[in-house]
Amino acid sequence: MKIAKERRKKPKFKRQDSSSYKRIKDTWRRPKGTHSKQRKKMKGKGIRPSPGYGSPKKIKGLHPSGFREVLVFNLNDLNGLDFNIHVCRIGSSVGRKKRFEIMKKATESKLKILNPTKASEEKK
């Protein structure tokens, strides 16, 4: 699946007055002032996030690689996953011993792991 073609480039939503003051960062915050021109959606005062800027339904929630991302905590979570559709990410609370068991089973079933552990750490 060509996800890059499907995904539209979204504009950078800038915070009101971020260009005027050094202390105000660019990160988006909703304009709340009563006289705010940006809140009133006046032309030339910057765009605001709205549902029209959302991703297309068929690619919403996909990993940038184009696969469906699945969070894995144990070996049973790998059952029923297809390597053509899914890609797995091992949960952060999973310990080293179980992590290597999951990695071993995932490589046997040709599943790609997004956060693999280095082989050098296995020996420790």
PDB file of N, CA and C in Angstrom:
ATOM      1  N   MET A   1       0.847  -1.188   0.000  1.00  0.00           N
ATOM      2  CA  MET A   1       0.000   0.000   0.000  1.00  0.00           C
ATOM      3  C   MET A   1       0.886   1.244   0.000  1.00  0.00           C
ATOM      4  N   LYS A   2       0.634   2.124  -0.899  1.00  0.00           N
ATOM      5  CA  LYS A   2       1.396   3.371  -0.982  1.00  0.00           C
ATOM      6  C   LYS A   2       0.769   4.386  -0.041  1.00  0.00           C
ATOM      7  N   ILE A   3       1.243   4.387   1.192  1.00  0.00           N
ATOM      8  CA  ILE A   3       0.645   5.253   2.212  1.00  0.00           C
ATOM      9  C   ILE A   3       1.010   6.714   1.985  1.00  0.00           C
ATOM     10  N   ALA A   4       2.178   6.958   1.427  1.00  0.00           N
ATOM     11  CA  ALA A   4       2.619   8.341   1.213  1.00  0.00           C
ATOM     12  C   ALA A   4       1.713   9.059   0.220  1.00  0.00           C
ATOM     13  N   LYS A   5       1.251   8.346  -0.812  1.00  0.00           N
ATOM     14  CA  LYS A   5       0.364   8.962  -1.799  1.00  0.00           C
ATOM     15  C   LYS A   5      -1.010   9.237  -1.207  1.00  0.00           C
ATOM     16  N   GLU A   6      -1.478   8.309  -0.359  1.00  0.00           N
ATOM     17  CA  GLU A   6      -2.801   8.444   0.243  1.00  0.00           C
ATOM     18  C   GLU A   6      -2.844   9.559   1.284  1.00  0.00           C
ATOM     19  N   ARG A   7      -1.731   9.707   2.024  1.00  0.00           N
ATOM     20  CA  ARG A   7      -1.703  10.672   3.121  1.00  0.00           C
ATOM     21  C   ARG A   7      -1.492  12.080   2.573  1.00  0.00           C
ATOM     22  N   ARG A   8      -2.382  12.975   2.928  1.00  0.00           N
ATOM     23  CA  ARG A   8      -2.231  14.362   2.498  1.00  0.00           C
ATOM     24  C   ARG A   8      -1.327  15.094   3.470  1.00  0.00           C
ATOM     25  N   LYS A   9      -0.635  16.082   2.966  1.00  0.00           N
ATOM     26  CA  LYS A   9       0.203  16.887   3.854  1.00  0.00           C
ATOM     27  C   LYS A   9      -0.681  17.888   4.584  1.00  0.00           C
ATOM     28  N   LYS A  10      -0.606  17.838   5.900  1.00  0.00           N
ATOM     29  CA  LYS A  10      -1.409  18.745   6.708  1.00  0.00           C
ATOM     30  C   LYS A  10      -0.628  20.023   6.978  1.00  0.00           C
ATOM     31  N   PRO A  11      -1.299  21.152   7.069  1.00  0.00           N
ATOM     32  CA  PRO A  11      -0.593  22.404   7.359  1.00  0.00           C
ATOM     33  C   PRO A  11      -0.111  22.444   8.800  1.00  0.00           C
ATOM     34  N   LYS A  12       0.843  23.322   9.068  1.00  0.00           N
ATOM     35  CA  LYS A  12       1.345  23.510  10.423  1.00  0.00           C
ATOM     36  C   LYS A  12       0.408  24.495  11.114  1.00  0.00           C
ATOM     37  N   PHE A  13      -0.301  24.018  12.119  1.00  0.00           N
ATOM     38  CA  PHE A  13      -1.203  24.881  12.868  1.00  0.00           C
ATOM     39  C   PHE A  13      -0.388  25.618  13.918  1.00  0.00           C
ATOM     40  N   LYS A  14      -0.313  26.930  13.798  1.00  0.00           N
ATOM     41  CA  LYS A  14       0.510  27.723  14.710  1.00  0.00           C
ATOM     42  C   LYS A  14      -0.346  28.408  15.759  1.00  0.00           C
ATOM     43  N   ARG A  15       0.228  28.566  16.934  1.00  0.00           N
ATOM     44  CA  ARG A  15      -0.450  29.239  18.020  1.00  0.00           C
ATOM     45  C   ARG A  15      -0.578  30.734  17.731  1.00  0.00           C
ATOM     46  N   GLN A  16      -1.687  31.304  18.152  1.00  0.00           N
ATOM     47  CA  GLN A  16      -1.935  32.726  17.957  1.00  0.00           C
ATOM     48  C   GLN A  16      -0.844  33.549  18.652  1.00  0.00           C
ATOM     49  N   ASP A  17      -0.323  34.556  17.967  1.00  0.00           N
ATOM     50  CA  ASP A  17       0.719  35.467  18.468  1.00  0.00           C
ATOM     51  C   ASP A  17       2.074  34.805  18.704  1.00  0.00           C
ATOM     52  N   SER A  18       2.293  33.581  18.203  1.00  0.00           N
ATOM     53  CA  SER A  18       3.584  32.930  18.409  1.00  0.00           C
ATOM     54  C   SER A  18       4.693  33.626  17.620  1.00  0.00           C
ATOM     55  N   SER A  19       4.322  34.325  16.556  1.00  0.00           N
ATOM     56  CA  SER A  19       5.324  35.046  15.777  1.00  0.00           C
ATOM     57  C   SER A  19       5.644  36.406  16.401  1.00  0.00           C
ATOM     58  N   SER A  20       4.782  36.890  17.283  1.00  0.00           N
ATOM     59  CA  SER A  20       4.972  38.206  17.882  1.00  0.00           C
ATOM     60  C   SER A  20       5.851  38.188  19.129  1.00  0.00           C
ATOM     61  N   TYR A  21       5.785  37.079  19.892  1.00  0.00           N
ATOM     62  CA  TYR A  21       6.505  37.005  21.150  1.00  0.00           C
ATOM     63  C   TYR A  21       7.437  35.806  21.180  1.00  0.00           C
ATOM     64  N   LYS A  22       8.643  36.026  21.677  1.00  0.00           N
ATOM     65  CA  LYS A  22       9.634  34.959  21.743  1.00  0.00           C
ATOM     66  C   LYS A  22       9.232  33.894  22.767  1.00  0.00           C
ATOM     67  N   ARG A  23       8.549  34.301  23.825  1.00  0.00           N
ATOM     68  CA  ARG A  23       8.196  33.382  24.906  1.00  0.00           C
ATOM     69  C   ARG A  23       7.049  32.433  24.540  1.00  0.00           C
ATOM     70  N   ILE A  24       6.311  32.761  23.470  1.00  0.00           N
ATOM     71  CA  ILE A  24       5.196  31.908  23.057  1.00  0.00           C
ATOM     72  C   ILE A  24       5.685  30.945  21.977  1.00  0.00           C
ATOM     73  N   LYS A  25       5.582  29.644  22.258  1.00  0.00           N
ATOM     74  CA  LYS A  25       6.042  28.611  21.333  1.00  0.00           C
ATOM     75  C   LYS A  25       5.048  28.432  20.183  1.00  0.00           C
ATOM     76  N   ASP A  26       5.487  27.750  19.119  1.00  0.00           N
ATOM     77  CA  ASP A  26       4.657  27.508  17.942  1.00  0.00           C
ATOM     78  C   ASP A  26       3.563  26.468  18.170  1.00  0.00           C
ATOM     79  N   THR A  27       3.701  25.634  19.207  1.00  0.00           N
ATOM     80  CA  THR A  27       2.774  24.516  19.401  1.00  0.00           C
ATOM     81  C   THR A  27       1.340  25.010  19.559  1.00  0.00           C
ATOM     82  N   TRP A  28       0.411  24.281  18.949  1.00  0.00           N
ATOM     83  CA  TRP A  28      -0.970  24.708  18.878  1.00  0.00           C
ATOM     84  C   TRP A  28      -1.641  24.766  20.242  1.00  0.00           C
ATOM     85  N   ARG A  29      -2.331  25.860  20.500  1.00  0.00           N
ATOM     86  CA  ARG A  29      -3.227  26.033  21.638  1.00  0.00           C
ATOM     87  C   ARG A  29      -4.473  26.729  21.105  1.00  0.00           C
ATOM     88  N   ARG A  30      -5.627  26.320  21.581  1.00  0.00           N
ATOM     89  CA  ARG A  30      -6.876  26.877  21.088  1.00  0.00           C
ATOM     90  C   ARG A  30      -7.002  28.342  21.496  1.00  0.00           C
ATOM     91  N   PRO A  31      -7.330  29.239  20.558  1.00  0.00           N
ATOM     92  CA  PRO A  31      -7.523  30.649  20.919  1.00  0.00           C
ATOM     93  C   PRO A  31      -8.806  30.818  21.729  1.00  0.00           C
ATOM     94  N   LYS A  32      -8.699  31.474  22.897  1.00  0.00           N
ATOM     95  CA  LYS A  32      -9.852  31.562  23.795  1.00  0.00           C
ATOM     96  C   LYS A  32     -10.317  32.993  24.076  1.00  0.00           C
ATOM     97  N   GLY A  33      -9.624  33.967  23.541  1.00  0.00           N
ATOM     98  CA  GLY A  33      -9.990  35.361  23.827  1.00  0.00           C
ATOM     99  C   GLY A  33     -11.331  35.753  23.241  1.00  0.00           C
ATOM    100  N   THR A  34     -12.029  36.658  23.910  1.00  0.00           N
ATOM    101  CA  THR A  34     -13.359  37.077  23.439  1.00  0.00           C
ATOM    102  C   THR A  34     -13.286  37.849  22.129  1.00  0.00           C
ATOM    103  N   HIS A  35     -12.220  38.599  21.926  1.00  0.00           N
ATOM    104  CA  HIS A  35     -12.075  39.388  20.697  1.00  0.00           C
ATOM    105  C   HIS A  35     -11.105  38.745  19.700  1.00  0.00           C
ATOM    106  N   SER A  36     -10.722  37.518  19.949  1.00  0.00           N
ATOM    107  CA  SER A  36      -9.713  36.843  19.124  1.00  0.00           C
ATOM    108  C   SER A  36     -10.182  36.684  17.678  1.00  0.00           C
ATOM    109  N   LYS A  37      -9.384  37.195  16.768  1.00  0.00           N
ATOM    110  CA  LYS A  37      -9.723  37.093  15.345  1.00  0.00           C
ATOM    111  C   LYS A  37      -9.564  35.654  14.849  1.00  0.00           C
ATOM    112  N   GLN A  38      -8.564  34.967  15.401  1.00  0.00           N
ATOM    113  CA  GLN A  38      -8.350  33.585  14.971  1.00  0.00           C
ATOM    114  C   GLN A  38      -9.486  32.683  15.456  1.00  0.00           C
ATOM    115  N   ARG A  39      -9.990  32.920  16.666  1.00  0.00           N
ATOM    116  CA  ARG A  39     -11.111  32.144  17.190  1.00  0.00           C
ATOM    117  C   ARG A  39     -12.360  32.342  16.342  1.00  0.00           C
ATOM    118  N   LYS A  40     -12.537  33.576  15.828  1.00  0.00           N
ATOM    119  CA  LYS A  40     -13.692  33.897  14.982  1.00  0.00           C
ATOM    120  C   LYS A  40     -13.508  33.457  13.529  1.00  0.00           C
ATOM    121  N   LYS A  41     -12.363  32.833  13.246  1.00  0.00           N
ATOM    122  CA  LYS A  41     -12.024  32.285  11.917  1.00  0.00           C
ATOM    123  C   LYS A  41     -11.992  33.359  10.843  1.00  0.00           C
ATOM    124  N   MET A  42     -11.412  34.501  11.186  1.00  0.00           N
ATOM    125  CA  MET A  42     -11.283  35.574  10.206  1.00  0.00           C
ATOM    126  C   MET A  42     -10.145  35.269   9.237  1.00  0.00           C
ATOM    127  N   LYS A  43     -10.327  35.711   8.008  1.00  0.00           N
ATOM    128  CA  LYS A  43      -9.365  35.437   6.959  1.00  0.00           C
ATOM    129  C   LYS A  43      -8.013  36.088   7.263  1.00  0.00           C
ATOM    130  N   GLY A  44      -6.938  35.359   7.019  1.00  0.00           N
ATOM    131  CA  GLY A  44      -5.596  35.896   7.200  1.00  0.00           C
ATOM    132  C   GLY A  44      -5.078  35.851   8.621  1.00  0.00           C
ATOM    133  N   LYS A  45      -5.819  35.263   9.546  1.00  0.00           N
ATOM    134  CA  LYS A  45      -5.397  35.216  10.949  1.00  0.00           C
ATOM    135  C   LYS A  45      -4.915  33.825  11.368  1.00  0.00           C
ATOM    136  N   GLY A  46      -4.663  32.968  10.424  1.00  0.00           N
ATOM    137  CA  GLY A  46      -4.168  31.619  10.728  1.00  0.00           C
ATOM    138  C   GLY A  46      -5.293  30.604  10.748  1.00  0.00           C
ATOM    139  N   ILE A  47      -4.970  29.400  10.300  1.00  0.00           N
ATOM    140  CA  ILE A  47      -5.991  28.353  10.240  1.00  0.00           C
ATOM    141  C   ILE A  47      -6.029  27.579  11.551  1.00  0.00           C
ATOM    142  N   ARG A  48      -7.188  26.967  11.793  1.00  0.00           N
ATOM    143  CA  ARG A  48      -7.407  26.184  13.002  1.00  0.00           C
ATOM    144  C   ARG A  48      -7.666  24.738  12.614  1.00  0.00           C
ATOM    145  N   PRO A  49      -7.269  23.783  13.465  1.00  0.00           N
ATOM    146  CA  PRO A  49      -7.571  22.377  13.169  1.00  0.00           C
ATOM    147  C   PRO A  49      -9.076  22.150  13.118  1.00  0.00           C
ATOM    148  N   SER A  50      -9.516  21.367  12.142  1.00  0.00           N
ATOM    149  CA  SER A  50     -10.923  21.023  12.015  1.00  0.00           C
ATOM    150  C   SER A  50     -11.019  19.652  11.344  1.00  0.00           C
ATOM    151  N   PRO A  51     -12.201  19.000  11.398  1.00  0.00           N
ATOM    152  CA  PRO A  51     -12.337  17.647  10.852  1.00  0.00           C
ATOM    153  C   PRO A  51     -11.916  17.510   9.396  1.00  0.00           C
ATOM    154  N   GLY A  52     -11.975  18.560   8.625  1.00  0.00           N
ATOM    155  CA  GLY A  52     -11.612  18.488   7.211  1.00  0.00           C
ATOM    156  C   GLY A  52     -10.143  18.172   6.965  1.00  0.00           C
ATOM    157  N   TYR A  53      -9.288  18.395   7.964  1.00  0.00           N
ATOM    158  CA  TYR A  53      -7.865  18.122   7.818  1.00  0.00           C
ATOM    159  C   TYR A  53      -7.496  16.690   8.215  1.00  0.00           C
ATOM    160  N   GLY A  54      -8.464  15.865   8.564  1.00  0.00           N
ATOM    161  CA  GLY A  54      -8.197  14.492   9.006  1.00  0.00           C
ATOM    162  C   GLY A  54      -7.678  13.604   7.879  1.00  0.00           C
ATOM    163  N   SER A  55      -7.086  12.479   8.259  1.00  0.00           N
ATOM    164  CA  SER A  55      -6.570  11.505   7.295  1.00  0.00           C
ATOM    165  C   SER A  55      -7.724  10.734   6.663  1.00  0.00           C
ATOM    166  N   PRO A  56      -7.535  10.198   5.446  1.00  0.00           N
ATOM    167  CA  PRO A  56      -8.560   9.356   4.833  1.00  0.00           C
ATOM    168  C   PRO A  56      -8.831   8.121   5.696  1.00  0.00           C
ATOM    169  N   LYS A  57     -10.069   7.618   5.679  1.00  0.00           N
ATOM    170  CA  LYS A  57     -10.466   6.520   6.564  1.00  0.00           C
ATOM    171  C   LYS A  57      -9.632   5.257   6.363  1.00  0.00           C
ATOM    172  N   LYS A  58      -9.271   4.940   5.113  1.00  0.00           N
ATOM    173  CA  LYS A  58      -8.585   3.675   4.885  1.00  0.00           C
ATOM    174  C   LYS A  58      -7.140   3.662   5.374  1.00  0.00           C
ATOM    175  N   ILE A  59      -6.541   4.829   5.651  1.00  0.00           N
ATOM    176  CA  ILE A  59      -5.177   4.840   6.182  1.00  0.00           C
ATOM    177  C   ILE A  59      -5.098   5.353   7.611  1.00  0.00           C
ATOM    178  N   LYS A  60      -6.236   5.695   8.192  1.00  0.00           N
ATOM    179  CA  LYS A  60      -6.253   6.209   9.568  1.00  0.00           C
ATOM    180  C   LYS A  60      -5.798   5.114  10.546  1.00  0.00           C
ATOM    181  N   GLY A  61      -4.865   5.450  11.394  1.00  0.00           N
ATOM    182  CA  GLY A  61      -4.393   4.511  12.408  1.00  0.00           C
ATOM    183  C   GLY A  61      -3.297   3.578  11.939  1.00  0.00           C
ATOM    184  N   LEU A  62      -2.839   3.701  10.702  1.00  0.00           N
ATOM    185  CA  LEU A  62      -1.776   2.835  10.208  1.00  0.00           C
ATOM    186  C   LEU A  62      -0.403   3.383  10.600  1.00  0.00           C
ATOM    187  N   HIS A  63       0.556   2.476  10.716  1.00  0.00           N
ATOM    188  CA  HIS A  63       1.951   2.854  10.921  1.00  0.00           C
ATOM    189  C   HIS A  63       2.440   3.462   9.608  1.00  0.00           C
ATOM    190  N   PRO A  64       3.410   4.382   9.634  1.00  0.00           N
ATOM    191  CA  PRO A  64       3.904   4.981   8.387  1.00  0.00           C
ATOM    192  C   PRO A  64       4.390   3.963   7.347  1.00  0.00           C
ATOM    193  N   SER A  65       4.746   2.745   7.792  1.00  0.00           N
ATOM    194  CA  SER A  65       5.174   1.707   6.857  1.00  0.00           C
ATOM    195  C   SER A  65       3.997   1.140   6.071  1.00  0.00           C
ATOM    196  N   GLY A  66       2.764   1.411   6.520  1.00  0.00           N
ATOM    197  CA  GLY A  66       1.580   0.920   5.825  1.00  0.00           C
ATOM    198  C   GLY A  66       0.953  -0.295   6.477  1.00  0.00           C
ATOM    199  N   PHE A  67       1.522  -0.757   7.586  1.00  0.00           N
ATOM    200  CA  PHE A  67       1.003  -1.927   8.288  1.00  0.00           C
ATOM    201  C   PHE A  67       0.166  -1.514   9.495  1.00  0.00           C
ATOM    202  N   ARG A  68      -0.716  -2.411   9.948  1.00  0.00           N
ATOM    203  CA  ARG A  68      -1.515  -2.208  11.153  1.00  0.00           C
ATOM    204  C   ARG A  68      -0.625  -2.524  12.355  1.00  0.00           C
ATOM    205  N   GLU A  69      -0.497  -1.592  13.286  1.00  0.00           N
ATOM    206  CA  GLU A  69       0.385  -1.766  14.440  1.00  0.00           C
ATOM    207  C   GLU A  69      -0.364  -2.464  15.581  1.00  0.00           C
ATOM    208  N   VAL A  70       0.269  -3.509  16.162  1.00  0.00           N
ATOM    209  CA  VAL A  70      -0.332  -4.268  17.247  1.00  0.00           C
ATOM    210  C   VAL A  70       0.622  -4.254  18.438  1.00  0.00           C
ATOM    211  N   LEU A  71       0.106  -3.948  19.619  1.00  0.00           N
ATOM    212  CA  LEU A  71       0.896  -3.930  20.844  1.00  0.00           C
ATOM    213  C   LEU A  71       0.878  -5.331  21.452  1.00  0.00           C
ATOM    214  N   VAL A  72       2.068  -5.890  21.726  1.00  0.00           N
ATOM    215  CA  VAL A  72       2.198  -7.269  22.187  1.00  0.00           C
ATOM    216  C   VAL A  72       2.778  -7.292  23.598  1.00  0.00           C
ATOM    217  N   PHE A  73       2.113  -8.057  24.491  1.00  0.00           N
ATOM    218  CA  PHE A  73       2.590  -8.193  25.863  1.00  0.00           C
ATOM    219  C   PHE A  73       2.969  -9.626  26.206  1.00  0.00           C
ATOM    220  N   ASN A  74       2.445 -10.619  25.467  1.00  0.00           N
ATOM    221  CA  ASN A  74       2.801 -12.012  25.713  1.00  0.00           C
ATOM    222  C   ASN A  74       2.738 -12.802  24.408  1.00  0.00           C
ATOM    223  N   LEU A  75       3.090 -14.080  24.473  1.00  0.00           N
ATOM    224  CA  LEU A  75       3.142 -14.909  23.271  1.00  0.00           C
ATOM    225  C   LEU A  75       1.769 -15.124  22.646  1.00  0.00           C
ATOM    226  N   ASN A  76       0.723 -15.139  23.464  1.00  0.00           N
ATOM    227  CA  ASN A  76      -0.634 -15.345  22.937  1.00  0.00           C
ATOM    228  C   ASN A  76      -1.090 -14.188  22.053  1.00  0.00           C
ATOM    229  N   ASP A  77      -0.547 -12.998  22.290  1.00  0.00           N
ATOM    230  CA  ASP A  77      -0.924 -11.836  21.468  1.00  0.00           C
ATOM    231  C   ASP A  77      -0.441 -11.974  20.026  1.00  0.00           C
ATOM    232  N   LEU A  78       0.548 -12.837  19.781  1.00  0.00           N
ATOM    233  CA  LEU A  78       1.070 -13.026  18.420  1.00  0.00           C
ATOM    234  C   LEU A  78       0.193 -13.956  17.583  1.00  0.00           C
ATOM    235  N   ASN A  79      -0.671 -14.735  18.249  1.00  0.00           N
ATOM    236  CA  ASN A  79      -1.545 -15.666  17.534  1.00  0.00           C
ATOM    237  C   ASN A  79      -2.540 -14.898  16.665  1.00  0.00           C
ATOM    238  N   GLY A  80      -2.697 -15.341  15.439  1.00  0.00           N
ATOM    239  CA  GLY A  80      -3.665 -14.738  14.531  1.00  0.00           C
ATOM    240  C   GLY A  80      -3.173 -13.491  13.809  1.00  0.00           C
ATOM    241  N   LEU A  81      -1.899 -13.135  13.976  1.00  0.00           N
ATOM    242  CA  LEU A  81      -1.361 -11.969  13.277  1.00  0.00           C
ATOM    243  C   LEU A  81      -0.789 -12.401  11.929  1.00  0.00           C
ATOM    244  N   ASP A  82      -1.049 -11.614  10.901  1.00  0.00           N
ATOM    245  CA  ASP A  82      -0.574 -11.899   9.552  1.00  0.00           C
ATOM    246  C   ASP A  82       0.591 -10.964   9.223  1.00  0.00           C
ATOM    247  N   PHE A  83       1.703 -11.515   8.743  1.00  0.00           N
ATOM    248  CA  PHE A  83       2.882 -10.689   8.454  1.00  0.00           C
ATOM    249  C   PHE A  83       2.685  -9.763   7.262  1.00  0.00           C
ATOM    250  N   ASN A  84       1.661 -10.001   6.449  1.00  0.00           N
ATOM    251  CA  ASN A  84       1.364  -9.108   5.325  1.00  0.00           C
ATOM    252  C   ASN A  84       0.568  -7.871   5.756  1.00  0.00           C
ATOM    253  N   ILE A  85      -0.104  -7.972   6.907  1.00  0.00           N
ATOM    254  CA  ILE A  85      -0.988  -6.896   7.361  1.00  0.00           C
ATOM    255  C   ILE A  85      -0.474  -6.211   8.626  1.00  0.00           C
ATOM    256  N   HIS A  86       0.056  -7.013   9.556  1.00  0.00           N
ATOM    257  CA  HIS A  86       0.394  -6.516  10.884  1.00  0.00           C
ATOM    258  C   HIS A  86       1.890  -6.320  11.089  1.00  0.00           C
ATOM    259  N   VAL A  87       2.198  -5.436  12.020  1.00  0.00           N
ATOM    260  CA  VAL A  87       3.559  -5.230  12.510  1.00  0.00           C
ATOM    261  C   VAL A  87       3.410  -5.062  14.026  1.00  0.00           C
ATOM    262  N   CYS A  88       4.326  -5.628  14.816  1.00  0.00           N
ATOM    263  CA  CYS A  88       4.106  -5.612  16.262  1.00  0.00           C
ATOM    264  C   CYS A  88       5.127  -4.751  16.992  1.00  0.00           C
ATOM    265  N   ARG A  89       4.659  -4.202  18.110  1.00  0.00           N
ATOM    266  CA  ARG A  89       5.488  -3.411  19.012  1.00  0.00           C
ATOM    267  C   ARG A  89       5.373  -4.058  20.381  1.00  0.00           C
ATOM    268  N   ILE A  90       6.511  -4.409  20.981  1.00  0.00           N
ATOM    269  CA  ILE A  90       6.512  -5.064  22.287  1.00  0.00           C
ATOM    270  C   ILE A  90       6.281  -4.013  23.369  1.00  0.00           C
ATOM    271  N   GLY A  91       5.389  -4.321  24.311  1.00  0.00           N
ATOM    272  CA  GLY A  91       5.039  -3.396  25.381  1.00  0.00           C
ATOM    273  C   GLY A  91       6.232  -3.041  26.248  1.00  0.00           C
ATOM    274  N   SER A  92       6.240  -1.828  26.792  1.00  0.00           N
ATOM    275  CA  SER A  92       7.383  -1.345  27.568  1.00  0.00           C
ATOM    276  C   SER A  92       7.520  -2.059  28.905  1.00  0.00           C
ATOM    277  N   SER A  93       6.432  -2.628  29.418  1.00  0.00           N
ATOM    278  CA  SER A  93       6.479  -3.293  30.715  1.00  0.00           C
ATOM    279  C   SER A  93       6.925  -4.753  30.618  1.00  0.00           C
ATOM    280  N   VAL A  94       7.177  -5.246  29.404  1.00  0.00           N
ATOM    281  CA  VAL A  94       7.615  -6.630  29.218  1.00  0.00           C
ATOM    282  C   VAL A  94       9.093  -6.743  29.563  1.00  0.00           C
ATOM    283  N   GLY A  95       9.425  -7.754  30.374  1.00  0.00           N
ATOM    284  CA  GLY A  95      10.805  -7.955  30.807  1.00  0.00           C
ATOM    285  C   GLY A  95      11.678  -8.539  29.713  1.00  0.00           C
ATOM    286  N   ARG A  96      12.989  -8.642  29.993  1.00  0.00           N
ATOM    287  CA  ARG A  96      13.955  -9.088  28.988  1.00  0.00           C
ATOM    288  C   ARG A  96      13.723 -10.536  28.554  1.00  0.00           C
ATOM    289  N   LYS A  97      13.446 -11.421  29.519  1.00  0.00           N
ATOM    290  CA  LYS A  97      13.280 -12.845  29.226  1.00  0.00           C
ATOM    291  C   LYS A  97      12.102 -13.087  28.278  1.00  0.00           C
ATOM    292  N   LYS A  98      10.957 -12.515  28.616  1.00  0.00           N
ATOM    293  CA  LYS A  98       9.768 -12.696  27.784  1.00  0.00           C
ATOM    294  C   LYS A  98       9.905 -11.957  26.465  1.00  0.00           C
ATOM    295  N   ARG A  99      10.604 -10.807  26.475  1.00  0.00           N
ATOM    296  CA  ARG A  99      10.839 -10.024  25.261  1.00  0.00           C
ATOM    297  C   ARG A  99      11.559 -10.859  24.204  1.00  0.00           C
ATOM    298  N   PHE A 100      12.595 -11.613  24.625  1.00  0.00           N
ATOM    299  CA  PHE A 100      13.339 -12.432  23.666  1.00  0.00           C
ATOM    300  C   PHE A 100      12.523 -13.624  23.180  1.00  0.00           C
ATOM    301  N   GLU A 101      11.636 -14.155  24.030  1.00  0.00           N
ATOM    302  CA  GLU A 101      10.737 -15.227  23.587  1.00  0.00           C
ATOM    303  C   GLU A 101       9.777 -14.704  22.519  1.00  0.00           C
ATOM    304  N   ILE A 102       9.254 -13.511  22.746  1.00  0.00           N
ATOM    305  CA  ILE A 102       8.337 -12.892  21.778  1.00  0.00           C
ATOM    306  C   ILE A 102       9.066 -12.615  20.468  1.00  0.00           C
ATOM    307  N   MET A 103      10.291 -12.088  20.555  1.00  0.00           N
ATOM    308  CA  MET A 103      11.072 -11.788  19.348  1.00  0.00           C
ATOM    309  C   MET A 103      11.364 -13.059  18.553  1.00  0.00           C
ATOM    310  N   LYS A 104      11.654 -14.147  19.266  1.00  0.00           N
ATOM    311  CA  LYS A 104      11.966 -15.419  18.605  1.00  0.00           C
ATOM    312  C   LYS A 104      10.748 -15.941  17.834  1.00  0.00           C
ATOM    313  N   LYS A 105       9.584 -15.917  18.504  1.00  0.00           N
ATOM    314  CA  LYS A 105       8.363 -16.404  17.855  1.00  0.00           C
ATOM    315  C   LYS A 105       7.947 -15.499  16.698  1.00  0.00           C
ATOM    316  N   ALA A 106       8.162 -14.195  16.837  1.00  0.00           N
ATOM    317  CA  ALA A 106       7.792 -13.242  15.783  1.00  0.00           C
ATOM    318  C   ALA A 106       8.648 -13.451  14.535  1.00  0.00           C
ATOM    319  N   THR A 107       9.941 -13.682  14.718  1.00  0.00           N
ATOM    320  CA  THR A 107      10.810 -13.924  13.556  1.00  0.00           C
ATOM    321  C   THR A 107      10.485 -15.247  12.876  1.00  0.00           C
ATOM    322  N   GLU A 108      10.045 -16.240  13.646  1.00  0.00           N
ATOM    323  CA  GLU A 108       9.631 -17.519  13.050  1.00  0.00           C
ATOM    324  C   GLU A 108       8.392 -17.334  12.178  1.00  0.00           C
ATOM    325  N   SER A 109       7.484 -16.464  12.604  1.00  0.00           N
ATOM    326  CA  SER A 109       6.263 -16.224  11.830  1.00  0.00           C
ATOM    327  C   SER A 109       6.405 -15.029  10.873  1.00  0.00           C
ATOM    328  N   LYS A 110       7.644 -14.558  10.667  1.00  0.00           N
ATOM    329  CA  LYS A 110       7.991 -13.497   9.714  1.00  0.00           C
ATOM    330  C   LYS A 110       7.374 -12.142  10.046  1.00  0.00           C
ATOM    331  N   LEU A 111       6.988 -11.938  11.301  1.00  0.00           N
ATOM    332  CA  LEU A 111       6.438 -10.646  11.731  1.00  0.00           C
ATOM    333  C   LEU A 111       7.559  -9.656  11.983  1.00  0.00           C
ATOM    334  N   LYS A 112       7.352  -8.403  11.604  1.00  0.00           N
ATOM    335  CA  LYS A 112       8.347  -7.359  11.848  1.00  0.00           C
ATOM    336  C   LYS A 112       8.083  -6.742  13.212  1.00  0.00           C
ATOM    337  N   ILE A 113       9.165  -6.512  13.968  1.00  0.00           N
ATOM    338  CA  ILE A 113       9.065  -5.891  15.288  1.00  0.00           C
ATOM    339  C   ILE A 113       9.578  -4.463  15.184  1.00  0.00           C
ATOM    340  N   LEU A 114       8.788  -3.519  15.684  1.00  0.00           N
ATOM    341  CA  LEU A 114       9.145  -2.104  15.574  1.00  0.00           C
ATOM    342  C   LEU A 114      10.193  -1.675  16.589  1.00  0.00           C
ATOM    343  N   ASN A 115      10.231  -2.338  17.742  1.00  0.00           N
ATOM    344  CA  ASN A 115      11.201  -1.963  18.775  1.00  0.00           C
ATOM    345  C   ASN A 115      12.004  -3.181  19.241  1.00  0.00           C
ATOM    346  N   PRO A 116      12.824  -3.756  18.345  1.00  0.00           N
ATOM    347  CA  PRO A 116      13.597  -4.943  18.734  1.00  0.00           C
ATOM    348  C   PRO A 116      14.719  -4.580  19.706  1.00  0.00           C
ATOM    349  N   THR A 117      15.133  -5.578  20.499  1.00  0.00           N
ATOM    350  CA  THR A 117      16.244  -5.414  21.426  1.00  0.00           C
ATOM    351  C   THR A 117      17.493  -5.960  20.755  1.00  0.00           C
ATOM    352  N   LYS A 118      18.621  -5.325  21.018  1.00  0.00           N
ATOM    353  CA  LYS A 118      19.876  -5.751  20.406  1.00  0.00           C
ATOM    354  C   LYS A 118      20.275  -7.135  20.904  1.00  0.00           C
ATOM    355  N   ALA A 119      20.939  -7.912  20.048  1.00  0.00           N
ATOM    356  CA  ALA A 119      21.370  -9.269  20.402  1.00  0.00           C
ATOM    357  C   ALA A 119      22.432  -9.226  21.490  1.00  0.00           C
ATOM    358  N   SER A 120      23.221  -8.135  21.580  1.00  0.00           N
ATOM    359  CA  SER A 120      24.277  -8.028  22.593  1.00  0.00           C
ATOM    360  C   SER A 120      23.689  -7.987  24.012  1.00  0.00           C
ATOM    361  N   GLU A 121      22.470  -7.471  24.148  1.00  0.00           N
ATOM    362  CA  GLU A 121      21.839  -7.401  25.455  1.00  0.00           C
ATOM    363  C   GLU A 121      21.322  -8.765  25.907  1.00  0.00           C
ATOM    364  N   GLU A 122      21.166  -9.699  24.955  1.00  0.00           N
ATOM    365  CA  GLU A 122      20.650 -11.022  25.280  1.00  0.00           C
ATOM    366  C   GLU A 122      21.639 -11.796  26.156  1.00  0.00           C
ATOM    367  N   LYS A 123      22.926 -11.580  25.965  1.00  0.00           N
ATOM    368  CA  LYS A 123      23.965 -12.313  26.686  1.00  0.00           C
ATOM    369  C   LYS A 123      24.136 -11.870  28.130  1.00  0.00           C
ATOM    370  N   LYS A 124      23.714 -10.653  28.456  1.00  0.00           N
ATOM    371  CA  LYS A 124      23.912 -10.116  29.805  1.00  0.00           C
ATOM    372  C   LYS A 124      23.122 -10.833  30.864  1.00  0.00           C
TER     373      LYS A 124
END
